[in-house]
């Protein structure tokens, strides 16, 4: 499993940049390394001991944007992973490797999501945005 350099922008609730998800290892943003296992996506920030983990079976969607959580991607595409945990609709933002690698990983995640059963997902409630 190849570990790629990247940047974690943080995780927000209901895709509102001011509503931060403050659980476990998802609090602090920063540079680190990304890798993928059969179970999901891991990201560990430099100088920390615990990685943050997003299981594939909790991921609902992915998208590419220019910013996340009130921060710009400095011209690089930002990978947004939309997932559910603890009955919350979450969105985690990453730059993973180069711009090309981020887009490759985005396409890979889209393919994985097509093959997963949607029966385990919590359907996000309609919310005013």
N, C-alpha and C. Protein backbone atom coordinates (compact mmCIF):
# COMPACT_ATOMS: atom_id res chain seq x y z
N UNK A 1 0.83 -1.17 0.00
CA UNK A 1 0.00 0.00 0.00
C UNK A 1 0.88 1.24 0.00
N UNK A 2 0.72 2.03 -1.04
CA UNK A 2 1.52 3.24 -1.21
C UNK A 2 0.94 4.37 -0.35
N UNK A 3 1.81 5.06 0.37
CA UNK A 3 1.39 6.22 1.15
C UNK A 3 1.75 7.47 0.37
N UNK A 4 0.76 8.33 0.20
CA UNK A 4 0.94 9.55 -0.56
C UNK A 4 0.91 10.75 0.36
N UNK A 5 1.71 11.75 0.04
CA UNK A 5 1.67 13.00 0.79
C UNK A 5 0.36 13.71 0.48
N UNK A 6 -0.16 14.40 1.47
CA UNK A 6 -1.39 15.13 1.25
C UNK A 6 -1.66 16.15 2.34
N UNK A 7 -2.85 16.72 2.28
CA UNK A 7 -3.27 17.71 3.26
C UNK A 7 -4.72 17.44 3.62
N UNK A 8 -5.02 17.48 4.92
CA UNK A 8 -6.37 17.29 5.43
C UNK A 8 -6.95 18.64 5.82
N UNK A 9 -8.08 19.00 5.22
CA UNK A 9 -8.72 20.29 5.46
C UNK A 9 -9.67 20.29 6.65
N UNK A 10 -10.06 19.13 7.11
CA UNK A 10 -11.02 19.04 8.20
C UNK A 10 -12.29 18.35 7.75
N UNK A 11 -13.18 18.15 8.70
CA UNK A 11 -14.46 17.51 8.44
C UNK A 11 -15.57 18.42 8.96
N UNK A 12 -16.58 18.62 8.12
CA UNK A 12 -17.69 19.48 8.48
C UNK A 12 -18.99 18.67 8.49
N UNK A 13 -19.96 19.19 9.23
CA UNK A 13 -21.27 18.54 9.35
C UNK A 13 -22.23 19.25 8.39
N UNK A 14 -23.04 18.47 7.68
CA UNK A 14 -24.06 18.99 6.75
C UNK A 14 -23.49 19.94 5.70
N UNK A 15 -22.22 19.76 5.35
CA UNK A 15 -21.53 20.56 4.33
C UNK A 15 -21.57 22.06 4.62
N UNK A 16 -21.60 22.42 5.90
CA UNK A 16 -21.53 23.82 6.33
C UNK A 16 -20.14 24.07 6.88
N UNK A 17 -19.37 24.96 6.25
CA UNK A 17 -17.96 25.15 6.58
C UNK A 17 -17.75 25.57 8.02
N UNK A 18 -18.71 26.20 8.65
CA UNK A 18 -18.56 26.67 10.03
C UNK A 18 -18.97 25.63 11.07
N UNK A 19 -19.52 24.51 10.64
CA UNK A 19 -20.01 23.48 11.56
C UNK A 19 -19.03 22.30 11.56
N UNK A 20 -18.00 22.38 12.38
CA UNK A 20 -16.91 21.41 12.38
C UNK A 20 -17.28 20.13 13.15
N UNK A 21 -16.78 19.02 12.64
CA UNK A 21 -16.92 17.72 13.31
C UNK A 21 -15.73 17.57 14.25
N UNK A 22 -15.98 17.57 15.54
CA UNK A 22 -14.91 17.62 16.53
C UNK A 22 -14.78 16.31 17.30
N UNK A 23 -14.76 15.20 16.61
CA UNK A 23 -14.63 13.90 17.25
C UNK A 23 -13.28 13.27 16.92
N UNK A 24 -12.73 12.60 17.90
CA UNK A 24 -11.57 11.75 17.73
C UNK A 24 -10.42 12.47 17.03
N UNK A 25 -9.95 11.91 15.94
CA UNK A 25 -8.78 12.46 15.25
C UNK A 25 -9.16 13.45 14.15
N UNK A 26 -10.43 13.79 14.01
CA UNK A 26 -10.89 14.64 12.91
C UNK A 26 -10.80 16.14 13.23
N UNK A 27 -10.31 16.50 14.40
CA UNK A 27 -10.32 17.89 14.84
C UNK A 27 -9.33 18.75 14.06
N UNK A 28 -8.08 18.35 14.02
CA UNK A 28 -7.00 19.20 13.48
C UNK A 28 -6.75 18.95 12.00
N UNK A 29 -6.58 20.04 11.27
CA UNK A 29 -6.19 19.91 9.87
C UNK A 29 -4.67 19.97 9.77
N UNK A 30 -4.14 19.56 8.62
CA UNK A 30 -2.71 19.64 8.43
C UNK A 30 -2.18 18.67 7.41
N UNK A 31 -0.88 18.76 7.16
CA UNK A 31 -0.19 17.91 6.19
C UNK A 31 0.09 16.54 6.80
N UNK A 32 0.16 15.54 5.92
CA UNK A 32 0.43 14.18 6.38
C UNK A 32 0.51 13.21 5.23
N UNK A 33 0.14 11.96 5.50
CA UNK A 33 0.18 10.90 4.48
C UNK A 33 -1.15 10.17 4.45
N UNK A 34 -1.53 9.78 3.23
CA UNK A 34 -2.77 9.06 2.96
C UNK A 34 -2.44 7.65 2.48
N UNK A 35 -3.29 6.69 2.85
CA UNK A 35 -3.22 5.36 2.25
C UNK A 35 -4.60 4.73 2.33
N UNK A 36 -4.75 3.69 1.53
CA UNK A 36 -6.04 3.02 1.40
C UNK A 36 -5.85 1.54 1.72
N UNK A 37 -6.81 0.96 2.44
CA UNK A 37 -6.83 -0.48 2.70
C UNK A 37 -8.14 -1.03 2.14
N UNK A 38 -8.36 -2.32 2.29
CA UNK A 38 -9.61 -2.92 1.85
C UNK A 38 -10.81 -2.38 2.63
N UNK A 39 -10.57 -1.88 3.83
CA UNK A 39 -11.66 -1.40 4.69
C UNK A 39 -12.00 0.07 4.46
N UNK A 40 -11.02 0.87 4.07
CA UNK A 40 -11.30 2.29 3.92
C UNK A 40 -10.07 3.15 3.69
N UNK A 41 -10.22 4.41 4.02
CA UNK A 41 -9.20 5.42 3.78
C UNK A 41 -8.61 5.87 5.10
N UNK A 42 -7.28 5.96 5.13
CA UNK A 42 -6.56 6.42 6.32
C UNK A 42 -5.78 7.67 5.97
N UNK A 43 -5.66 8.57 6.95
CA UNK A 43 -4.83 9.75 6.79
C UNK A 43 -4.22 10.04 8.15
N UNK A 44 -2.90 10.17 8.19
CA UNK A 44 -2.23 10.52 9.44
C UNK A 44 -1.45 11.81 9.23
N UNK A 45 -1.73 12.77 10.11
CA UNK A 45 -1.01 14.04 10.05
C UNK A 45 0.39 13.83 10.60
N UNK A 46 1.34 14.59 10.08
CA UNK A 46 2.70 14.51 10.58
C UNK A 46 2.72 14.84 12.08
N UNK A 47 3.59 14.17 12.79
CA UNK A 47 3.81 14.38 14.23
C UNK A 47 2.62 13.97 15.09
N UNK A 48 1.75 13.10 14.56
CA UNK A 48 0.67 12.54 15.37
C UNK A 48 0.80 11.03 15.37
N UNK A 49 0.13 10.38 16.31
CA UNK A 49 0.25 8.93 16.45
C UNK A 49 -0.94 8.17 15.87
N UNK A 50 -2.11 8.79 15.85
CA UNK A 50 -3.32 8.11 15.39
C UNK A 50 -3.77 8.63 14.04
N UNK A 51 -4.13 7.72 13.16
CA UNK A 51 -4.64 8.13 11.85
C UNK A 51 -6.14 8.34 11.95
N UNK A 52 -6.66 9.18 11.06
CA UNK A 52 -8.11 9.25 10.94
C UNK A 52 -8.51 8.23 9.90
N UNK A 53 -9.70 7.66 10.05
CA UNK A 53 -10.12 6.54 9.22
C UNK A 53 -11.56 6.76 8.79
N UNK A 54 -11.80 6.60 7.48
CA UNK A 54 -13.15 6.67 6.93
C UNK A 54 -13.43 5.33 6.26
N UNK A 55 -14.33 4.50 6.83
CA UNK A 55 -14.65 3.21 6.24
C UNK A 55 -15.41 3.36 4.92
N UNK A 56 -15.10 2.50 3.95
CA UNK A 56 -15.79 2.55 2.66
C UNK A 56 -17.29 2.39 2.81
N UNK A 57 -17.73 1.55 3.75
CA UNK A 57 -19.16 1.29 3.88
C UNK A 57 -19.94 2.47 4.47
N UNK A 58 -19.25 3.53 4.89
CA UNK A 58 -19.92 4.73 5.39
C UNK A 58 -19.87 5.88 4.39
N UNK A 59 -19.14 5.69 3.29
CA UNK A 59 -19.01 6.74 2.28
C UNK A 59 -20.23 6.75 1.38
N UNK A 60 -20.83 7.92 1.20
CA UNK A 60 -22.00 8.09 0.33
C UNK A 60 -21.63 8.58 -1.05
N UNK A 61 -20.65 9.49 -1.10
CA UNK A 61 -20.31 10.12 -2.38
C UNK A 61 -18.95 10.79 -2.25
N UNK A 62 -18.41 11.19 -3.37
CA UNK A 62 -17.19 12.00 -3.40
C UNK A 62 -17.41 13.10 -4.44
N UNK A 63 -16.69 14.18 -4.27
CA UNK A 63 -16.73 15.25 -5.26
C UNK A 63 -15.42 16.01 -5.21
N UNK A 64 -15.19 16.80 -6.23
CA UNK A 64 -14.00 17.64 -6.32
C UNK A 64 -14.45 19.09 -6.21
N UNK A 65 -13.71 19.87 -5.43
CA UNK A 65 -14.02 21.30 -5.30
C UNK A 65 -12.71 22.08 -5.26
N UNK A 66 -12.83 23.38 -5.13
CA UNK A 66 -11.65 24.24 -5.05
C UNK A 66 -11.31 24.63 -3.62
N UNK A 67 -12.23 24.32 -2.69
CA UNK A 67 -12.00 24.66 -1.29
C UNK A 67 -12.74 23.68 -0.39
N UNK A 68 -12.43 23.77 0.89
CA UNK A 68 -13.14 22.95 1.87
C UNK A 68 -13.00 23.60 3.24
N UNK A 69 -14.07 23.58 4.01
CA UNK A 69 -14.05 24.04 5.39
C UNK A 69 -13.51 25.48 5.53
N UNK A 70 -13.86 26.32 4.55
CA UNK A 70 -13.43 27.71 4.59
C UNK A 70 -12.01 27.96 4.13
N UNK A 71 -11.34 26.95 3.58
CA UNK A 71 -9.95 27.08 3.12
C UNK A 71 -9.87 26.77 1.63
N UNK A 72 -9.06 27.54 0.91
CA UNK A 72 -8.84 27.31 -0.52
C UNK A 72 -7.77 26.25 -0.73
N UNK A 73 -7.86 25.54 -1.84
CA UNK A 73 -6.91 24.50 -2.17
C UNK A 73 -5.69 24.99 -2.92
N UNK A 74 -5.46 26.28 -2.98
CA UNK A 74 -4.30 26.88 -3.64
C UNK A 74 -4.17 26.43 -5.09
N UNK A 75 -5.30 26.34 -5.78
CA UNK A 75 -5.31 25.95 -7.18
C UNK A 75 -5.35 24.45 -7.42
N UNK A 76 -5.20 23.65 -6.39
CA UNK A 76 -5.26 22.20 -6.54
C UNK A 76 -6.67 21.71 -6.27
N UNK A 77 -7.09 20.61 -6.92
CA UNK A 77 -8.42 20.07 -6.64
C UNK A 77 -8.47 19.47 -5.24
N UNK A 78 -9.56 19.75 -4.54
CA UNK A 78 -9.77 19.22 -3.19
C UNK A 78 -10.76 18.06 -3.29
N UNK A 79 -10.34 16.89 -2.81
CA UNK A 79 -11.20 15.71 -2.78
C UNK A 79 -12.10 15.81 -1.56
N UNK A 80 -13.41 15.79 -1.78
CA UNK A 80 -14.39 15.80 -0.70
C UNK A 80 -14.98 14.41 -0.59
N UNK A 81 -14.88 13.82 0.59
CA UNK A 81 -15.47 12.52 0.86
C UNK A 81 -16.69 12.76 1.73
N UNK A 82 -17.85 12.42 1.20
CA UNK A 82 -19.11 12.61 1.90
C UNK A 82 -19.50 11.27 2.51
N UNK A 83 -19.71 11.28 3.82
CA UNK A 83 -19.95 10.04 4.54
C UNK A 83 -20.84 10.28 5.75
N UNK A 84 -21.31 9.18 6.34
CA UNK A 84 -22.18 9.24 7.50
C UNK A 84 -21.52 8.54 8.67
N UNK A 85 -21.64 9.16 9.85
CA UNK A 85 -21.13 8.54 11.08
C UNK A 85 -21.91 9.13 12.24
N UNK A 86 -22.27 8.29 13.19
CA UNK A 86 -22.99 8.73 14.38
C UNK A 86 -24.23 9.54 14.00
N UNK A 87 -24.96 9.09 13.00
CA UNK A 87 -26.16 9.76 12.51
C UNK A 87 -25.90 11.19 12.03
N UNK A 88 -24.69 11.48 11.63
CA UNK A 88 -24.33 12.80 11.10
C UNK A 88 -23.90 12.66 9.65
N UNK A 89 -24.27 13.64 8.84
CA UNK A 89 -23.86 13.71 7.44
C UNK A 89 -22.59 14.55 7.38
N UNK A 90 -21.46 13.92 7.03
CA UNK A 90 -20.15 14.55 7.12
C UNK A 90 -19.50 14.74 5.75
N UNK A 91 -18.57 15.69 5.69
CA UNK A 91 -17.81 15.94 4.48
C UNK A 91 -16.37 16.23 4.90
N UNK A 92 -15.44 15.35 4.50
CA UNK A 92 -14.02 15.51 4.81
C UNK A 92 -13.27 15.92 3.55
N UNK A 93 -12.38 16.90 3.68
CA UNK A 93 -11.65 17.42 2.52
C UNK A 93 -10.18 17.09 2.57
N UNK A 94 -9.62 16.69 1.40
CA UNK A 94 -8.22 16.29 1.29
C UNK A 94 -7.63 16.78 -0.02
N UNK A 95 -6.35 17.11 0.00
CA UNK A 95 -5.54 17.13 -1.21
C UNK A 95 -4.61 15.94 -1.05
N UNK A 96 -4.61 15.07 -2.02
CA UNK A 96 -3.85 13.83 -1.91
C UNK A 96 -2.82 13.77 -3.02
N UNK A 97 -1.55 13.95 -2.67
CA UNK A 97 -0.49 13.93 -3.67
C UNK A 97 -0.62 15.11 -4.62
N UNK A 98 -0.27 14.91 -5.85
CA UNK A 98 -0.35 15.95 -6.87
C UNK A 98 -1.81 16.11 -7.30
N UNK A 99 -2.07 17.11 -8.11
CA UNK A 99 -3.42 17.31 -8.65
C UNK A 99 -3.88 16.08 -9.43
N UNK A 100 -2.97 15.48 -10.19
CA UNK A 100 -3.32 14.30 -10.99
C UNK A 100 -3.67 13.12 -10.08
N UNK A 101 -2.88 12.91 -9.02
CA UNK A 101 -3.15 11.81 -8.08
C UNK A 101 -4.49 12.01 -7.38
N UNK A 102 -4.81 13.25 -7.01
CA UNK A 102 -6.09 13.53 -6.37
C UNK A 102 -7.24 13.15 -7.29
N UNK A 103 -7.13 13.48 -8.57
CA UNK A 103 -8.18 13.13 -9.53
C UNK A 103 -8.27 11.63 -9.76
N UNK A 104 -7.13 10.93 -9.78
CA UNK A 104 -7.12 9.47 -9.93
C UNK A 104 -7.82 8.82 -8.74
N UNK A 105 -7.52 9.29 -7.54
CA UNK A 105 -8.13 8.72 -6.34
C UNK A 105 -9.62 9.03 -6.32
N UNK A 106 -10.02 10.20 -6.76
CA UNK A 106 -11.43 10.55 -6.87
C UNK A 106 -12.16 9.55 -7.78
N UNK A 107 -11.60 9.28 -8.95
CA UNK A 107 -12.22 8.33 -9.88
C UNK A 107 -12.24 6.92 -9.29
N UNK A 108 -11.18 6.53 -8.60
CA UNK A 108 -11.13 5.22 -7.95
C UNK A 108 -12.23 5.08 -6.90
N UNK A 109 -12.41 6.11 -6.08
CA UNK A 109 -13.47 6.08 -5.07
C UNK A 109 -14.85 6.01 -5.71
N UNK A 110 -15.05 6.72 -6.80
CA UNK A 110 -16.33 6.65 -7.51
C UNK A 110 -16.61 5.23 -7.97
N UNK A 111 -15.59 4.53 -8.50
CA UNK A 111 -15.74 3.15 -8.93
C UNK A 111 -16.05 2.23 -7.75
N UNK A 112 -15.37 2.43 -6.63
CA UNK A 112 -15.62 1.61 -5.44
C UNK A 112 -17.05 1.80 -4.97
N UNK A 113 -17.53 3.04 -4.96
CA UNK A 113 -18.89 3.32 -4.52
C UNK A 113 -19.93 2.67 -5.41
N UNK A 114 -19.65 2.60 -6.72
CA UNK A 114 -20.58 1.94 -7.63
C UNK A 114 -20.74 0.47 -7.28
N UNK A 115 -19.66 -0.15 -6.78
CA UNK A 115 -19.67 -1.58 -6.50
C UNK A 115 -20.17 -1.93 -5.10
N UNK A 116 -20.24 -0.95 -4.21
CA UNK A 116 -20.71 -1.23 -2.85
C UNK A 116 -22.23 -1.21 -2.80
N UNK A 117 -22.76 -1.99 -1.89
CA UNK A 117 -24.20 -1.99 -1.65
C UNK A 117 -24.58 -0.73 -0.89
N UNK A 118 -25.61 -0.05 -1.33
CA UNK A 118 -26.06 1.18 -0.67
C UNK A 118 -26.96 0.88 0.54
N UNK A 119 -27.24 -0.38 0.81
CA UNK A 119 -28.17 -0.72 1.89
C UNK A 119 -27.65 -0.36 3.27
N UNK A 120 -26.34 -0.20 3.45
CA UNK A 120 -25.78 0.10 4.76
C UNK A 120 -25.74 1.59 5.06
N UNK A 121 -26.06 2.43 4.09
CA UNK A 121 -25.90 3.86 4.28
C UNK A 121 -27.08 4.48 5.00
N UNK A 122 -26.81 5.48 5.80
CA UNK A 122 -27.85 6.31 6.40
C UNK A 122 -28.16 7.38 5.37
N UNK A 123 -29.41 7.47 4.97
CA UNK A 123 -29.77 8.46 4.00
C UNK A 123 -29.80 9.84 4.63
N UNK A 124 -29.07 10.79 4.09
CA UNK A 124 -29.08 12.14 4.68
C UNK A 124 -30.50 12.72 4.60
N UNK A 125 -30.89 13.38 5.67
CA UNK A 125 -32.20 14.03 5.71
C UNK A 125 -32.15 15.28 4.85
N UNK A 126 -33.30 15.67 4.33
CA UNK A 126 -33.36 16.95 3.59
C UNK A 126 -33.11 18.07 4.58
N UNK A 127 -32.19 18.90 4.27
CA UNK A 127 -31.85 20.00 5.15
C UNK A 127 -31.82 21.29 4.35
N UNK A 128 -32.19 22.37 5.00
CA UNK A 128 -32.08 23.68 4.37
C UNK A 128 -30.62 24.06 4.30
N UNK A 129 -30.16 24.52 3.16
CA UNK A 129 -28.77 24.91 3.00
C UNK A 129 -28.67 26.35 2.69
